[in-house]
Amino acid sequence: MNLEAFLALFLAFDVYKGQLSISLGFIALFLYHEPTGKWVRSHPEMWWIALILLFVTLIAMACCTNVRRKAPMNFIFLGLFTLAQSFMLGVMASNFRSEE
């Protein structure tokens, strides 16, 4: 494996690590901060907005080559997708207790 391939692989895993960290932060906030969990449970429309944003960004990244291959548009859509998915995971986690 040459150096360029190694650096590209390292960058890909670094981006993935960032996505997982953001998701973990949302889940921890919604699960352990009681006022945030109550607010999310009382506003179910936020989950639907996140779901729509998730599908729009996913379809745009899958179907449009300019969106997924040109910087900075690919980073913008990846960030929006990550935030929408993290919010949805946090909303789902807020419906459970950490002791369960």
N, C-alpha and C. Protein backbone atom coordinates (compact mmCIF):
# COMPACT_ATOMS: atom_id res chain seq x y z
N MET A 1 0.86 -1.17 0.00
CA MET A 1 0.00 0.00 0.00
C MET A 1 0.91 1.24 0.00
N ASN A 2 0.65 2.12 -0.94
CA ASN A 2 1.48 3.33 -1.00
C ASN A 2 0.95 4.37 -0.01
N LEU A 3 1.70 5.44 0.13
CA LEU A 3 1.41 6.45 1.13
C LEU A 3 0.10 7.19 0.85
N GLU A 4 -0.18 7.48 -0.42
CA GLU A 4 -1.42 8.20 -0.76
C GLU A 4 -2.65 7.36 -0.43
N ALA A 5 -2.61 6.09 -0.71
CA ALA A 5 -3.74 5.21 -0.38
C ALA A 5 -3.92 5.10 1.12
N PHE A 6 -2.82 5.04 1.84
CA PHE A 6 -2.89 4.97 3.30
C PHE A 6 -3.50 6.24 3.88
N LEU A 7 -3.09 7.39 3.36
CA LEU A 7 -3.64 8.66 3.86
C LEU A 7 -5.12 8.80 3.52
N ALA A 8 -5.54 8.34 2.34
CA ALA A 8 -6.96 8.39 1.97
C ALA A 8 -7.77 7.49 2.89
N LEU A 9 -7.26 6.32 3.21
CA LEU A 9 -7.94 5.42 4.13
C LEU A 9 -8.02 6.02 5.52
N PHE A 10 -6.94 6.64 5.96
CA PHE A 10 -6.91 7.29 7.27
C PHE A 10 -7.92 8.43 7.33
N LEU A 11 -8.04 9.21 6.25
CA LEU A 11 -9.00 10.31 6.21
C LEU A 11 -10.43 9.79 6.25
N ALA A 12 -10.70 8.69 5.53
CA ALA A 12 -12.05 8.12 5.52
C ALA A 12 -12.45 7.65 6.92
N PHE A 13 -11.52 6.99 7.62
CA PHE A 13 -11.83 6.54 8.97
C PHE A 13 -11.95 7.72 9.93
N ASP A 14 -11.23 8.79 9.69
CA ASP A 14 -11.33 9.98 10.52
C ASP A 14 -12.70 10.65 10.36
N VAL A 15 -13.20 10.71 9.13
CA VAL A 15 -14.54 11.26 8.89
C VAL A 15 -15.59 10.39 9.57
N TYR A 16 -15.43 9.07 9.47
CA TYR A 16 -16.37 8.15 10.11
C TYR A 16 -16.33 8.30 11.63
N LYS A 17 -15.14 8.48 12.17
CA LYS A 17 -15.01 8.69 13.62
C LYS A 17 -15.71 9.97 14.04
N GLY A 18 -15.63 11.01 13.22
CA GLY A 18 -16.33 12.25 13.52
C GLY A 18 -17.84 12.08 13.50
N GLN A 19 -18.34 11.33 12.53
CA GLN A 19 -19.78 11.06 12.47
C GLN A 19 -20.26 10.30 13.70
N LEU A 20 -19.50 9.30 14.10
CA LEU A 20 -19.89 8.53 15.29
C LEU A 20 -19.83 9.38 16.55
N SER A 21 -18.87 10.28 16.64
CA SER A 21 -18.77 11.16 17.81
C SER A 21 -19.96 12.11 17.89
N ILE A 22 -20.37 12.65 16.76
CA ILE A 22 -21.54 13.54 16.74
C ILE A 22 -22.79 12.77 17.15
N SER A 23 -22.96 11.56 16.61
CA SER A 23 -24.12 10.74 16.97
C SER A 23 -24.12 10.40 18.46
N LEU A 24 -22.97 10.05 18.98
CA LEU A 24 -22.87 9.74 20.41
C LEU A 24 -23.21 10.96 21.26
N GLY A 25 -22.77 12.14 20.83
CA GLY A 25 -23.10 13.36 21.57
C GLY A 25 -24.59 13.65 21.61
N PHE A 26 -25.27 13.48 20.47
CA PHE A 26 -26.72 13.68 20.43
C PHE A 26 -27.43 12.67 21.32
N ILE A 27 -27.04 11.41 21.24
CA ILE A 27 -27.69 10.38 22.04
C ILE A 27 -27.49 10.65 23.53
N ALA A 28 -26.27 11.01 23.91
CA ALA A 28 -26.00 11.29 25.32
C ALA A 28 -26.79 12.51 25.80
N LEU A 29 -26.90 13.54 24.96
CA LEU A 29 -27.65 14.74 25.35
C LEU A 29 -29.12 14.40 25.56
N PHE A 30 -29.71 13.70 24.63
CA PHE A 30 -31.15 13.41 24.72
C PHE A 30 -31.46 12.36 25.77
N LEU A 31 -30.52 11.49 26.06
CA LEU A 31 -30.77 10.43 27.03
C LEU A 31 -30.54 10.88 28.47
N TYR A 32 -29.53 11.69 28.70
CA TYR A 32 -29.16 12.03 30.08
C TYR A 32 -29.55 13.45 30.51
N HIS A 33 -29.91 14.34 29.58
CA HIS A 33 -30.36 15.68 29.95
C HIS A 33 -31.89 15.67 29.89
N GLU A 34 -32.52 15.61 31.05
CA GLU A 34 -33.97 15.40 31.15
C GLU A 34 -34.79 16.49 30.45
N PRO A 35 -34.48 17.80 30.60
CA PRO A 35 -35.29 18.80 29.88
C PRO A 35 -35.24 18.64 28.36
N THR A 36 -34.10 18.27 27.82
CA THR A 36 -34.00 18.06 26.38
C THR A 36 -34.82 16.85 25.96
N GLY A 37 -34.76 15.78 26.73
CA GLY A 37 -35.55 14.59 26.43
C GLY A 37 -37.04 14.86 26.48
N LYS A 38 -37.48 15.63 27.47
CA LYS A 38 -38.90 15.98 27.57
C LYS A 38 -39.34 16.83 26.38
N TRP A 39 -38.49 17.80 25.98
CA TRP A 39 -38.84 18.67 24.87
C TRP A 39 -38.96 17.86 23.58
N VAL A 40 -38.05 16.95 23.36
CA VAL A 40 -38.07 16.15 22.14
C VAL A 40 -39.29 15.23 22.11
N ARG A 41 -39.62 14.65 23.25
CA ARG A 41 -40.80 13.78 23.30
C ARG A 41 -42.10 14.55 23.11
N SER A 42 -42.11 15.83 23.47
CA SER A 42 -43.33 16.62 23.31
C SER A 42 -43.44 17.27 21.93
N HIS A 43 -42.41 17.18 21.09
CA HIS A 43 -42.43 17.75 19.74
C HIS A 43 -42.09 16.67 18.72
N PRO A 44 -43.05 15.79 18.40
CA PRO A 44 -42.75 14.71 17.45
C PRO A 44 -42.53 15.20 16.02
N GLU A 45 -42.96 16.41 15.71
CA GLU A 45 -42.76 16.92 14.35
C GLU A 45 -41.28 17.12 14.03
N MET A 46 -40.46 17.31 15.03
CA MET A 46 -39.02 17.46 14.79
C MET A 46 -38.43 16.17 14.24
N TRP A 47 -38.94 15.02 14.67
CA TRP A 47 -38.47 13.75 14.15
C TRP A 47 -38.81 13.61 12.68
N TRP A 48 -40.00 14.03 12.30
CA TRP A 48 -40.42 13.95 10.90
C TRP A 48 -39.60 14.89 10.02
N ILE A 49 -39.29 16.07 10.53
CA ILE A 49 -38.45 17.00 9.77
C ILE A 49 -37.06 16.40 9.56
N ALA A 50 -36.52 15.79 10.60
CA ALA A 50 -35.20 15.15 10.48
C ALA A 50 -35.25 13.98 9.50
N LEU A 51 -36.34 13.22 9.50
CA LEU A 51 -36.48 12.09 8.59
C LEU A 51 -36.52 12.57 7.14
N ILE A 52 -37.28 13.63 6.88
CA ILE A 52 -37.36 14.18 5.53
C ILE A 52 -36.00 14.70 5.09
N LEU A 53 -35.31 15.43 5.96
CA LEU A 53 -33.98 15.94 5.64
C LEU A 53 -33.01 14.79 5.39
N LEU A 54 -33.12 13.73 6.16
CA LEU A 54 -32.27 12.56 5.99
C LEU A 54 -32.46 11.95 4.61
N PHE A 55 -33.71 11.74 4.20
CA PHE A 55 -33.97 11.14 2.90
C PHE A 55 -33.60 12.06 1.75
N VAL A 56 -33.84 13.36 1.89
CA VAL A 56 -33.48 14.30 0.82
C VAL A 56 -31.97 14.32 0.61
N THR A 57 -31.21 14.39 1.69
CA THR A 57 -29.75 14.40 1.54
C THR A 57 -29.24 13.06 1.03
N LEU A 58 -29.83 11.96 1.48
CA LEU A 58 -29.40 10.64 1.03
C LEU A 58 -29.67 10.46 -0.46
N ILE A 59 -30.84 10.85 -0.92
CA ILE A 59 -31.18 10.72 -2.34
C ILE A 59 -30.31 11.66 -3.18
N ALA A 60 -30.08 12.88 -2.69
CA ALA A 60 -29.23 13.81 -3.42
C ALA A 60 -27.80 13.29 -3.56
N MET A 61 -27.27 12.71 -2.49
CA MET A 61 -25.91 12.17 -2.56
C MET A 61 -25.84 10.93 -3.44
N ALA A 62 -26.92 10.15 -3.49
CA ALA A 62 -26.91 8.93 -4.30
C ALA A 62 -27.13 9.21 -5.78
N CYS A 63 -27.94 10.20 -6.10
CA CYS A 63 -28.33 10.41 -7.49
C CYS A 63 -27.54 11.50 -8.22
N CYS A 64 -27.06 12.49 -7.53
CA CYS A 64 -26.38 13.62 -8.17
C CYS A 64 -24.87 13.49 -8.01
N THR A 65 -24.18 13.34 -9.11
CA THR A 65 -22.73 13.16 -9.02
C THR A 65 -22.03 14.42 -8.56
N ASN A 66 -22.56 15.59 -8.88
CA ASN A 66 -21.92 16.84 -8.44
C ASN A 66 -21.99 17.00 -6.93
N VAL A 67 -23.05 16.49 -6.33
CA VAL A 67 -23.20 16.62 -4.88
C VAL A 67 -22.22 15.72 -4.14
N ARG A 68 -22.00 14.53 -4.63
CA ARG A 68 -21.14 13.60 -3.88
C ARG A 68 -19.67 13.66 -4.26
N ARG A 69 -19.33 14.33 -5.37
CA ARG A 69 -17.93 14.30 -5.81
C ARG A 69 -17.24 15.66 -5.80
N LYS A 70 -17.95 16.72 -5.59
CA LYS A 70 -17.35 18.06 -5.63
C LYS A 70 -17.34 18.68 -4.24
N ALA A 71 -16.16 19.08 -3.82
CA ALA A 71 -16.03 19.81 -2.55
C ALA A 71 -16.40 21.26 -2.81
N PRO A 72 -17.03 21.96 -1.93
CA PRO A 72 -17.42 21.64 -0.56
C PRO A 72 -18.83 21.07 -0.45
N MET A 73 -19.49 20.87 -1.61
CA MET A 73 -20.88 20.40 -1.57
C MET A 73 -20.99 19.03 -0.91
N ASN A 74 -20.01 18.14 -1.14
CA ASN A 74 -20.09 16.81 -0.53
C ASN A 74 -19.95 16.89 0.99
N PHE A 75 -19.14 17.80 1.50
CA PHE A 75 -19.01 17.96 2.94
C PHE A 75 -20.26 18.58 3.56
N ILE A 76 -20.90 19.48 2.84
CA ILE A 76 -22.13 20.10 3.33
C ILE A 76 -23.23 19.05 3.45
N PHE A 77 -23.41 18.25 2.40
CA PHE A 77 -24.45 17.24 2.43
C PHE A 77 -24.13 16.13 3.43
N LEU A 78 -22.87 15.77 3.56
CA LEU A 78 -22.50 14.77 4.56
C LEU A 78 -22.75 15.29 5.97
N GLY A 79 -22.49 16.57 6.20
CA GLY A 79 -22.76 17.16 7.50
C GLY A 79 -24.24 17.22 7.81
N LEU A 80 -25.06 17.62 6.82
CA LEU A 80 -26.51 17.64 7.02
C LEU A 80 -27.06 16.24 7.28
N PHE A 81 -26.56 15.26 6.52
CA PHE A 81 -26.99 13.89 6.72
C PHE A 81 -26.61 13.40 8.12
N THR A 82 -25.40 13.71 8.56
CA THR A 82 -24.95 13.29 9.88
C THR A 82 -25.77 13.93 10.98
N LEU A 83 -26.05 15.22 10.86
CA LEU A 83 -26.86 15.90 11.88
C LEU A 83 -28.29 15.36 11.93
N ALA A 84 -28.89 15.13 10.76
CA ALA A 84 -30.26 14.60 10.73
C ALA A 84 -30.31 13.19 11.32
N GLN A 85 -29.35 12.36 10.96
CA GLN A 85 -29.32 11.00 11.49
C GLN A 85 -29.04 11.00 12.99
N SER A 86 -28.15 11.85 13.43
CA SER A 86 -27.83 11.93 14.86
C SER A 86 -29.03 12.41 15.66
N PHE A 87 -29.76 13.39 15.12
CA PHE A 87 -30.96 13.87 15.79
C PHE A 87 -32.00 12.76 15.90
N MET A 88 -32.19 12.00 14.82
CA MET A 88 -33.15 10.90 14.87
C MET A 88 -32.74 9.84 15.88
N LEU A 89 -31.45 9.51 15.94
CA LEU A 89 -30.98 8.54 16.93
C LEU A 89 -31.18 9.07 18.35
N GLY A 90 -30.96 10.36 18.55
CA GLY A 90 -31.18 10.95 19.87
C GLY A 90 -32.64 10.92 20.27
N VAL A 91 -33.53 11.21 19.32
CA VAL A 91 -34.97 11.15 19.60
C VAL A 91 -35.38 9.74 19.98
N MET A 92 -34.88 8.76 19.25
CA MET A 92 -35.22 7.37 19.57
C MET A 92 -34.66 6.96 20.92
N ALA A 93 -33.46 7.42 21.23
CA ALA A 93 -32.84 7.08 22.53
C ALA A 93 -33.56 7.75 23.68
N SER A 94 -34.17 8.91 23.45
CA SER A 94 -34.84 9.61 24.55
C SER A 94 -36.11 8.88 25.00
N ASN A 95 -36.58 7.94 24.22
CA ASN A 95 -37.77 7.16 24.59
C ASN A 95 -37.43 6.00 25.52
N PHE A 96 -36.17 5.81 25.83
CA PHE A 96 -35.74 4.72 26.70
C PHE A 96 -34.99 5.28 27.90
N ARG A 97 -34.81 4.45 28.89
CA ARG A 97 -34.00 4.82 30.06
C ARG A 97 -32.63 4.17 29.91
N SER A 98 -31.66 4.79 30.51
CA SER A 98 -30.30 4.22 30.40
C SER A 98 -30.16 2.95 31.21
N GLU A 99 -31.06 2.69 32.14
CA GLU A 99 -30.98 1.48 32.96
C GLU A 99 -31.56 0.27 32.25
N GLU A 100 -32.32 0.47 31.17
CA GLU A 100 -33.00 -0.64 30.50
C GLU A 100 -32.02 -1.49 29.72
